[in-house]
PDB file of N, CA and C in Angstrom:
ATOM      1  N   MET A   1      -1.798  33.882   8.284  1.00  0.00           N
ATOM      2  CA  MET A   1      -0.955  33.214   8.788  1.00  0.00           C
ATOM      3  C   MET A   1       0.241  33.968   9.348  1.00  0.00           C
ATOM      4  N   ALA A   2       0.778  33.485  10.394  1.00  0.00           N
ATOM      5  CA  ALA A   2       1.892  34.372  11.094  1.00  0.00           C
ATOM      6  C   ALA A   2       3.327  34.042  10.414  1.00  0.00           C
ATOM      7  N   VAL A   3       3.808  34.937  10.356  1.00  0.00           N
ATOM      8  CA  VAL A   3       5.375  34.894   9.549  1.00  0.00           C
ATOM      9  C   VAL A   3       6.226  34.181  10.690  1.00  0.00           C
ATOM     10  N   PRO A   4       6.897  32.877  10.532  1.00  0.00           N
ATOM     11  CA  PRO A   4       7.876  32.556  11.418  1.00  0.00           C
ATOM     12  C   PRO A   4       8.889  33.365  11.786  1.00  0.00           C
ATOM     13  N   HIS A   5       9.335  33.319  13.033  1.00  0.00           N
ATOM     14  CA  HIS A   5      10.564  34.230  13.477  1.00  0.00           C
ATOM     15  C   HIS A   5      11.708  33.808  12.626  1.00  0.00           C
ATOM     16  N   PRO A   6      12.375  34.885  12.236  1.00  0.00           N
ATOM     17  CA  PRO A   6      13.572  34.479  11.471  1.00  0.00           C
ATOM     18  C   PRO A   6      14.504  33.456  11.903  1.00  0.00           C
ATOM     19  N   GLY A   7      14.588  33.510  13.212  1.00  0.00           N
ATOM     20  CA  GLY A   7      15.773  32.473  14.112  1.00  0.00           C
ATOM     21  C   GLY A   7      15.185  31.191  13.899  1.00  0.00           C
ATOM     22  N   LEU A   8      13.857  31.127  13.732  1.00  0.00           N
ATOM     23  CA  LEU A   8      13.324  29.656  13.277  1.00  0.00           C
ATOM     24  C   LEU A   8      13.802  29.098  12.076  1.00  0.00           C
ATOM     25  N   TRP A   9      13.571  29.960  11.181  1.00  0.00           N
ATOM     26  CA  TRP A   9      14.151  29.850   9.577  1.00  0.00           C
ATOM     27  C   TRP A   9      15.716  29.291   9.865  1.00  0.00           C
ATOM     28  N   GLU A  10      16.359  30.144  10.461  1.00  0.00           N
ATOM     29  CA  GLU A  10      17.801  30.084  10.482  1.00  0.00           C
ATOM     30  C   GLU A  10      18.143  28.616  11.162  1.00  0.00           C
ATOM     31  N   LYS A  11      17.480  28.365  11.992  1.00  0.00           N
ATOM     32  CA  LYS A  11      17.843  26.988  12.739  1.00  0.00           C
ATOM     33  C   LYS A  11      17.412  25.965  11.861  1.00  0.00           C
ATOM     34  N   SER A  12      16.290  25.861  11.357  1.00  0.00           N
ATOM     35  CA  SER A  12      15.802  24.939  10.428  1.00  0.00           C
ATOM     36  C   SER A  12      16.589  24.795   9.206  1.00  0.00           C
ATOM     37  N   ALA A  13      16.894  25.930   8.605  1.00  0.00           N
ATOM     38  CA  ALA A  13      17.771  25.893   7.423  1.00  0.00           C
ATOM     39  C   ALA A  13      19.075  25.283   7.588  1.00  0.00           C
ATOM     40  N   ALA A  14      19.602  25.692   8.670  1.00  0.00           N
ATOM     41  CA  ALA A  14      21.164  25.064   9.233  1.00  0.00           C
ATOM     42  C   ALA A  14      21.047  23.620   9.408  1.00  0.00           C
ATOM     43  N   SER A  15      19.941  23.238   9.740  1.00  0.00           N
ATOM     44  CA  SER A  15      19.936  21.650  10.067  1.00  0.00           C
ATOM     45  C   SER A  15      19.778  20.845   8.750  1.00  0.00           C
ATOM     46  N   ILE A  16      19.089  21.803   7.570  1.00  0.00           N
ATOM     47  CA  ILE A  16      19.051  20.988   6.355  1.00  0.00           C
ATOM     48  C   ILE A  16      20.272  21.255   5.493  1.00  0.00           C
ATOM     49  N   GLY A  17      20.954  22.295   5.708  1.00  0.00           N
ATOM     50  CA  GLY A  17      22.225  22.441   4.809  1.00  0.00           C
ATOM     51  C   GLY A  17      21.959  22.850   3.527  1.00  0.00           C
ATOM     52  N   SER A  18      22.851  23.584   2.804  1.00  0.00           N
ATOM     53  CA  SER A  18      22.852  23.968   1.377  1.00  0.00           C
ATOM     54  C   SER A  18      22.427  22.816   0.429  1.00  0.00           C
ATOM     55  N   ASN A  19      21.581  23.310  -0.452  1.00  0.00           N
ATOM     56  CA  ASN A  19      21.387  22.158  -1.682  1.00  0.00           C
ATOM     57  C   ASN A  19      21.993  22.355  -2.473  1.00  0.00           C
ATOM     58  N   GLY A  20      22.879  23.256  -2.627  1.00  0.00           N
ATOM     59  CA  GLY A  20      23.944  23.741  -3.688  1.00  0.00           C
ATOM     60  C   GLY A  20      23.199  24.082  -5.122  1.00  0.00           C
ATOM     61  N   SER A  21      21.984  24.114  -5.149  1.00  0.00           N
ATOM     62  CA  SER A  21      21.122  24.332  -6.349  1.00  0.00           C
ATOM     63  C   SER A  21      21.395  25.835  -6.949  1.00  0.00           C
ATOM     64  N   THR A  22      21.817  26.577  -6.255  1.00  0.00           N
ATOM     65  CA  THR A  22      22.121  28.268  -6.667  1.00  0.00           C
ATOM     66  C   THR A  22      23.166  28.932  -6.137  1.00  0.00           C
ATOM     67  N   SER A  23      23.552  29.817  -7.110  1.00  0.00           N
ATOM     68  CA  SER A  23      24.523  30.556  -6.368  1.00  0.00           C
ATOM     69  C   SER A  23      23.903  31.446  -5.074  1.00  0.00           C
ATOM     70  N   SER A  24      24.833  31.647  -4.257  1.00  0.00           N
ATOM     71  CA  SER A  24      24.311  32.325  -2.990  1.00  0.00           C
ATOM     72  C   SER A  24      23.500  33.797  -3.029  1.00  0.00           C
ATOM     73  N   GLY A  25      23.678  34.448  -4.248  1.00  0.00           N
ATOM     74  CA  GLY A  25      23.042  35.762  -4.415  1.00  0.00           C
ATOM     75  C   GLY A  25      21.934  35.716  -5.491  1.00  0.00           C
ATOM     76  N   ASP A  26      21.420  34.438  -5.750  1.00  0.00           N
ATOM     77  CA  ASP A  26      20.363  34.413  -6.601  1.00  0.00           C
ATOM     78  C   ASP A  26      18.978  34.712  -6.119  1.00  0.00           C
ATOM     79  N   PHE A  27      18.567  35.954  -6.216  1.00  0.00           N
ATOM     80  CA  PHE A  27      17.279  36.366  -5.545  1.00  0.00           C
ATOM     81  C   PHE A  27      16.148  35.681  -6.203  1.00  0.00           C
ATOM     82  N   SER A  28      16.251  35.444  -7.498  1.00  0.00           N
ATOM     83  CA  SER A  28      15.175  35.068  -8.156  1.00  0.00           C
ATOM     84  C   SER A  28      14.918  33.648  -7.785  1.00  0.00           C
ATOM     85  N   GLU A  29      15.761  32.834  -7.496  1.00  0.00           N
ATOM     86  CA  GLU A  29      15.162  31.517  -7.147  1.00  0.00           C
ATOM     87  C   GLU A  29      14.473  31.380  -5.686  1.00  0.00           C
ATOM     88  N   ILE A  30      15.202  32.208  -4.729  1.00  0.00           N
ATOM     89  CA  ILE A  30      14.496  32.296  -3.455  1.00  0.00           C
ATOM     90  C   ILE A  30      13.232  32.808  -3.534  1.00  0.00           C
ATOM     91  N   GLU A  31      13.131  33.991  -4.343  1.00  0.00           N
ATOM     92  CA  GLU A  31      11.772  34.506  -4.668  1.00  0.00           C
ATOM     93  C   GLU A  31      10.732  33.706  -5.111  1.00  0.00           C
ATOM     94  N   ALA A  32      11.016  32.860  -6.178  1.00  0.00           N
ATOM     95  CA  ALA A  32      10.085  31.971  -6.730  1.00  0.00           C
ATOM     96  C   ALA A  32       9.760  30.933  -5.654  1.00  0.00           C
ATOM     97  N   THR A  33      10.595  30.424  -4.811  1.00  0.00           N
ATOM     98  CA  THR A  33      10.496  29.362  -4.018  1.00  0.00           C
ATOM     99  C   THR A  33       9.542  29.924  -2.760  1.00  0.00           C
ATOM    100  N   ILE A  34       9.599  30.965  -2.481  1.00  0.00           N
ATOM    101  CA  ILE A  34       8.753  31.613  -1.399  1.00  0.00           C
ATOM    102  C   ILE A  34       7.291  31.661  -2.136  1.00  0.00           C
ATOM    103  N   HIS A  35       7.178  32.079  -3.398  1.00  0.00           N
ATOM    104  CA  HIS A  35       5.792  32.163  -4.073  1.00  0.00           C
ATOM    105  C   HIS A  35       5.364  30.848  -4.130  1.00  0.00           C
ATOM    106  N   ARG A  36       6.077  29.684  -4.519  1.00  0.00           N
ATOM    107  CA  ARG A  36       5.489  28.477  -4.316  1.00  0.00           C
ATOM    108  C   ARG A  36       5.007  28.001  -2.948  1.00  0.00           C
ATOM    109  N   LEU A  37       5.781  28.314  -2.075  1.00  0.00           N
ATOM    110  CA  LEU A  37       5.274  27.887  -0.579  1.00  0.00           C
ATOM    111  C   LEU A  37       4.027  28.736  -0.354  1.00  0.00           C
ATOM    112  N   CYS A  38       4.062  30.128  -0.634  1.00  0.00           N
ATOM    113  CA  CYS A  38       2.940  30.740  -0.343  1.00  0.00           C
ATOM    114  C   CYS A  38       1.558  30.254  -1.141  1.00  0.00           C
ATOM    115  N   ASP A  39       1.851  29.882  -2.315  1.00  0.00           N
ATOM    116  CA  ASP A  39       0.772  29.280  -3.125  1.00  0.00           C
ATOM    117  C   ASP A  39       0.423  27.877  -2.443  1.00  0.00           C
ATOM    118  N   ALA A  40       1.057  27.192  -2.158  1.00  0.00           N
ATOM    119  CA  ALA A  40       1.045  26.008  -1.392  1.00  0.00           C
ATOM    120  C   ALA A  40       0.175  26.118  -0.230  1.00  0.00           C
ATOM    121  N   ARG A  41       0.371  27.093   0.670  1.00  0.00           N
ATOM    122  CA  ARG A  41      -0.205  27.309   1.850  1.00  0.00           C
ATOM    123  C   ARG A  41      -1.576  28.328   1.803  1.00  0.00           C
ATOM    124  N   SER A  42      -1.767  28.991   0.357  1.00  0.00           N
ATOM    125  CA  SER A  42      -2.729  29.847   0.138  1.00  0.00           C
ATOM    126  C   SER A  42      -2.717  30.952   0.878  1.00  0.00           C
ATOM    127  N   ASP A  43      -1.435  31.372   1.236  1.00  0.00           N
ATOM    128  CA  ASP A  43      -1.037  32.629   1.903  1.00  0.00           C
ATOM    129  C   ASP A  43      -1.734  33.757   1.173  1.00  0.00           C
ATOM    130  N   ASP A  44      -1.808  34.918   2.009  1.00  0.00           N
ATOM    131  CA  ASP A  44      -2.397  36.309   1.334  1.00  0.00           C
ATOM    132  C   ASP A  44      -1.210  36.995   1.026  1.00  0.00           C
ATOM    133  N   ASP A  45      -1.406  38.005   0.194  1.00  0.00           N
ATOM    134  CA  ASP A  45      -0.403  38.838  -0.353  1.00  0.00           C
ATOM    135  C   ASP A  45       0.521  39.434   0.779  1.00  0.00           C
ATOM    136  N   GLY A  46      -0.198  39.724   1.858  1.00  0.00           N
ATOM    137  CA  GLY A  46       0.489  40.367   3.051  1.00  0.00           C
ATOM    138  C   GLY A  46       1.670  39.594   3.558  1.00  0.00           C
ATOM    139  N   ASN A  47       1.272  38.050   3.853  1.00  0.00           N
ATOM    140  CA  ASN A  47       2.339  37.208   4.245  1.00  0.00           C
ATOM    141  C   ASN A  47       3.466  37.007   3.191  1.00  0.00           C
ATOM    142  N   ARG A  48       3.066  36.998   2.182  1.00  0.00           N
ATOM    143  CA  ARG A  48       3.987  36.783   0.954  1.00  0.00           C
ATOM    144  C   ARG A  48       4.998  38.002   0.804  1.00  0.00           C
ATOM    145  N   ALA A  49       4.380  38.982   0.895  1.00  0.00           N
ATOM    146  CA  ALA A  49       5.340  40.272   1.209  1.00  0.00           C
ATOM    147  C   ALA A  49       6.244  40.504   2.322  1.00  0.00           C
ATOM    148  N   ALA A  50       5.726  39.887   3.520  1.00  0.00           N
ATOM    149  CA  ALA A  50       6.486  39.858   4.743  1.00  0.00           C
ATOM    150  C   ALA A  50       7.746  38.862   4.509  1.00  0.00           C
ATOM    151  N   LEU A  51       7.464  37.616   4.032  1.00  0.00           N
ATOM    152  CA  LEU A  51       8.327  36.728   4.034  1.00  0.00           C
ATOM    153  C   LEU A  51       9.555  37.369   2.789  1.00  0.00           C
ATOM    154  N   LEU A  52       9.125  38.007   2.180  1.00  0.00           N
ATOM    155  CA  LEU A  52      10.106  38.479   1.189  1.00  0.00           C
ATOM    156  C   LEU A  52      10.933  39.687   1.837  1.00  0.00           C
ATOM    157  N   SER A  53      10.244  40.417   2.684  1.00  0.00           N
ATOM    158  CA  SER A  53      10.980  41.458   3.342  1.00  0.00           C
ATOM    159  C   SER A  53      11.910  40.961   4.362  1.00  0.00           C
ATOM    160  N   ASP A  54      11.447  39.787   4.818  1.00  0.00           N
ATOM    161  CA  ASP A  54      12.263  39.039   5.997  1.00  0.00           C
ATOM    162  C   ASP A  54      13.455  38.779   5.288  1.00  0.00           C
ATOM    163  N   LEU A  55      13.556  38.357   4.072  1.00  0.00           N
ATOM    164  CA  LEU A  55      14.984  38.143   3.547  1.00  0.00           C
ATOM    165  C   LEU A  55      16.147  39.140   3.827  1.00  0.00           C
ATOM    166  N   ARG A  56      15.809  40.153   4.199  1.00  0.00           N
ATOM    167  CA  ARG A  56      16.746  41.363   4.510  1.00  0.00           C
ATOM    168  C   ARG A  56      17.521  40.942   5.680  1.00  0.00           C
ATOM    169  N   GLU A  57      17.079  40.058   6.401  1.00  0.00           N
ATOM    170  CA  GLU A  57      17.836  39.812   7.752  1.00  0.00           C
ATOM    171  C   GLU A  57      18.757  38.649   7.599  1.00  0.00           C
ATOM    172  N   TYR A  58      18.883  38.185   6.314  1.00  0.00           N
ATOM    173  CA  TYR A  58      19.859  37.036   6.107  1.00  0.00           C
ATOM    174  C   TYR A  58      20.938  37.437   4.862  1.00  0.00           C
ATOM    175  N   LEU A  59      22.010  37.073   5.161  1.00  0.00           N
ATOM    176  CA  LEU A  59      23.007  37.188   4.094  1.00  0.00           C
ATOM    177  C   LEU A  59      22.627  36.358   3.010  1.00  0.00           C
ATOM    178  N   PRO A  60      22.994  36.844   1.745  1.00  0.00           N
ATOM    179  CA  PRO A  60      22.620  35.969   0.518  1.00  0.00           C
ATOM    180  C   PRO A  60      23.273  34.635   0.610  1.00  0.00           C
ATOM    181  N   GLU A  61      24.495  34.611   1.312  1.00  0.00           N
ATOM    182  CA  GLU A  61      24.950  33.300   1.518  1.00  0.00           C
ATOM    183  C   GLU A  61      24.161  32.289   2.078  1.00  0.00           C
ATOM    184  N   ARG A  62      23.360  32.639   2.901  1.00  0.00           N
ATOM    185  CA  ARG A  62      22.268  31.779   3.724  1.00  0.00           C
ATOM    186  C   ARG A  62      21.109  31.368   2.761  1.00  0.00           C
ATOM    187  N   TRP A  63      20.903  31.979   1.808  1.00  0.00           N
ATOM    188  CA  TRP A  63      19.646  31.632   0.976  1.00  0.00           C
ATOM    189  C   TRP A  63      19.616  30.254   0.466  1.00  0.00           C
ATOM    190  N   PRO A  64      20.654  29.660  -0.065  1.00  0.00           N
ATOM    191  CA  PRO A  64      20.549  28.369  -0.478  1.00  0.00           C
ATOM    192  C   PRO A  64      19.949  27.403   0.737  1.00  0.00           C
ATOM    193  N   CYS A  65      20.086  27.746   1.812  1.00  0.00           N
ATOM    194  CA  CYS A  65      19.763  27.095   3.092  1.00  0.00           C
ATOM    195  C   CYS A  65      18.300  27.162   3.164  1.00  0.00           C
ATOM    196  N   LEU A  66      17.881  28.450   3.034  1.00  0.00           N
ATOM    197  CA  LEU A  66      16.327  28.688   3.088  1.00  0.00           C
ATOM    198  C   LEU A  66      15.660  28.260   1.888  1.00  0.00           C
ATOM    199  N   ILE A  67      16.391  28.282   0.696  1.00  0.00           N
ATOM    200  CA  ILE A  67      15.407  27.538  -0.354  1.00  0.00           C
ATOM    201  C   ILE A  67      15.199  26.100   0.040  1.00  0.00           C
ATOM    202  N   GLY A  68      16.300  25.633   0.608  1.00  0.00           N
ATOM    203  CA  GLY A  68      16.181  24.070   0.984  1.00  0.00           C
ATOM    204  C   GLY A  68      15.102  23.805   1.902  1.00  0.00           C
ATOM    205  N   TYR A  69      14.889  24.600   2.902  1.00  0.00           N
ATOM    206  CA  TYR A  69      13.995  24.728   3.896  1.00  0.00           C
ATOM    207  C   TYR A  69      12.606  24.961   3.372  1.00  0.00           C
ATOM    208  N   PHE A  70      12.518  25.879   2.470  1.00  0.00           N
ATOM    209  CA  PHE A  70      11.067  26.304   1.984  1.00  0.00           C
ATOM    210  C   PHE A  70      10.669  25.044   1.211  1.00  0.00           C
ATOM    211  N   ASN A  71      11.583  24.616   0.221  1.00  0.00           N
ATOM    212  CA  ASN A  71      11.226  23.518  -0.620  1.00  0.00           C
ATOM    213  C   ASN A  71      10.612  22.188   0.183  1.00  0.00           C
ATOM    214  N   VAL A  72      11.262  21.909   1.405  1.00  0.00           N
ATOM    215  CA  VAL A  72      10.645  21.051   2.201  1.00  0.00           C
ATOM    216  C   VAL A  72       9.386  21.239   2.603  1.00  0.00           C
ATOM    217  N   GLU A  73       9.091  22.381   3.117  1.00  0.00           N
ATOM    218  CA  GLU A  73       7.728  22.974   3.525  1.00  0.00           C
ATOM    219  C   GLU A  73       6.781  22.893   2.431  1.00  0.00           C
ATOM    220  N   VAL A  74       7.095  23.342   1.085  1.00  0.00           N
ATOM    221  CA  VAL A  74       6.232  23.324   0.049  1.00  0.00           C
ATOM    222  C   VAL A  74       5.952  21.724  -0.290  1.00  0.00           C
ATOM    223  N   ALA A  75       6.965  20.793  -0.099  1.00  0.00           N
ATOM    224  CA  ALA A  75       6.502  19.316  -0.077  1.00  0.00           C
ATOM    225  C   ALA A  75       5.513  19.053   0.972  1.00  0.00           C
ATOM    226  N   LYS A  76       5.823  19.226   2.056  1.00  0.00           N
ATOM    227  CA  LYS A  76       4.859  18.838   3.039  1.00  0.00           C
ATOM    228  C   LYS A  76       3.448  19.431   2.793  1.00  0.00           C
ATOM    229  N   TYR A  77       3.304  20.511   2.256  1.00  0.00           N
ATOM    230  CA  TYR A  77       1.920  20.988   1.983  1.00  0.00           C
ATOM    231  C   TYR A  77       1.191  20.654   0.967  1.00  0.00           C
ATOM    232  N   GLU A  78       1.989  20.360  -0.058  1.00  0.00           N
ATOM    233  CA  GLU A  78       1.653  19.482  -1.315  1.00  0.00           C
ATOM    234  C   GLU A  78       1.026  18.178  -1.084  1.00  0.00           C
ATOM    235  N   ALA A  79       1.918  17.456  -0.117  1.00  0.00           N
ATOM    236  CA  ALA A  79       1.563  16.249   0.106  1.00  0.00           C
ATOM    237  C   ALA A  79       0.225  15.920   1.011  1.00  0.00           C
ATOM    238  N   THR A  80       0.151  16.920   1.879  1.00  0.00           N
ATOM    239  CA  THR A  80      -1.199  17.134   2.628  1.00  0.00           C
ATOM    240  C   THR A  80      -2.346  17.357   1.839  1.00  0.00           C
ATOM    241  N   SER A  81      -1.966  18.294   1.021  1.00  0.00           N
ATOM    242  CA  SER A  81      -3.235  18.511  -0.104  1.00  0.00           C
ATOM    243  C   SER A  81      -3.722  17.440  -0.802  1.00  0.00           C
ATOM    244  N   ASN A  82      -2.355  16.909  -1.412  1.00  0.00           N
ATOM    245  CA  ASN A  82      -2.792  15.640  -2.323  1.00  0.00           C
ATOM    246  C   ASN A  82      -3.614  14.538  -1.540  1.00  0.00           C
ATOM    247  N   ALA A  83      -3.261  14.388  -0.465  1.00  0.00           N
ATOM    248  CA  ALA A  83      -3.843  13.174   0.587  1.00  0.00           C
ATOM    249  C   ALA A  83      -5.410  13.657   0.857  1.00  0.00           C
ATOM    250  N   GLU A  84      -5.667  14.897   0.847  1.00  0.00           N
ATOM    251  CA  GLU A  84      -6.722  15.438   1.318  1.00  0.00           C
ATOM    252  C   GLU A  84      -7.685  15.184   0.045  1.00  0.00           C
ATOM    253  N   ASN A  85      -7.123  15.702  -1.083  1.00  0.00           N
ATOM    254  CA  ASN A  85      -8.071  15.532  -2.268  1.00  0.00           C
ATOM    255  C   ASN A  85      -8.271  14.065  -2.811  1.00  0.00           C
ATOM    256  N   GLN A  86      -7.531  13.054  -2.342  1.00  0.00           N
ATOM    257  CA  GLN A  86      -7.554  11.608  -2.721  1.00  0.00           C
ATOM    258  C   GLN A  86      -8.549  10.915  -1.702  1.00  0.00           C
ATOM    259  N   GLY A  87      -8.655  11.446  -0.538  1.00  0.00           N
ATOM    260  CA  GLY A  87      -9.419  10.840   0.500  1.00  0.00           C
ATOM    261  C   GLY A  87     -10.649  11.325   0.652  1.00  0.00           C
TER     262      GLY A  87
END
């Protein structure tokens, strides 16, 4: 799966806003969120590493917004997966 362009994340994350759930420098939370997203999408290790590497393009102050965006994406994939498993 291709890694989205960082500008797409920035635009999407900005529209969601900060969820306020973490301090801006808490790498462990954003890392865990990325792993949940990759698990939900069945991403390979290469894409997982690319997403983590791309974080260098963002100031830690933007991470709460990215966490919010990734959590929305996780929910979408989980909802789709659950619907497919029930149907």
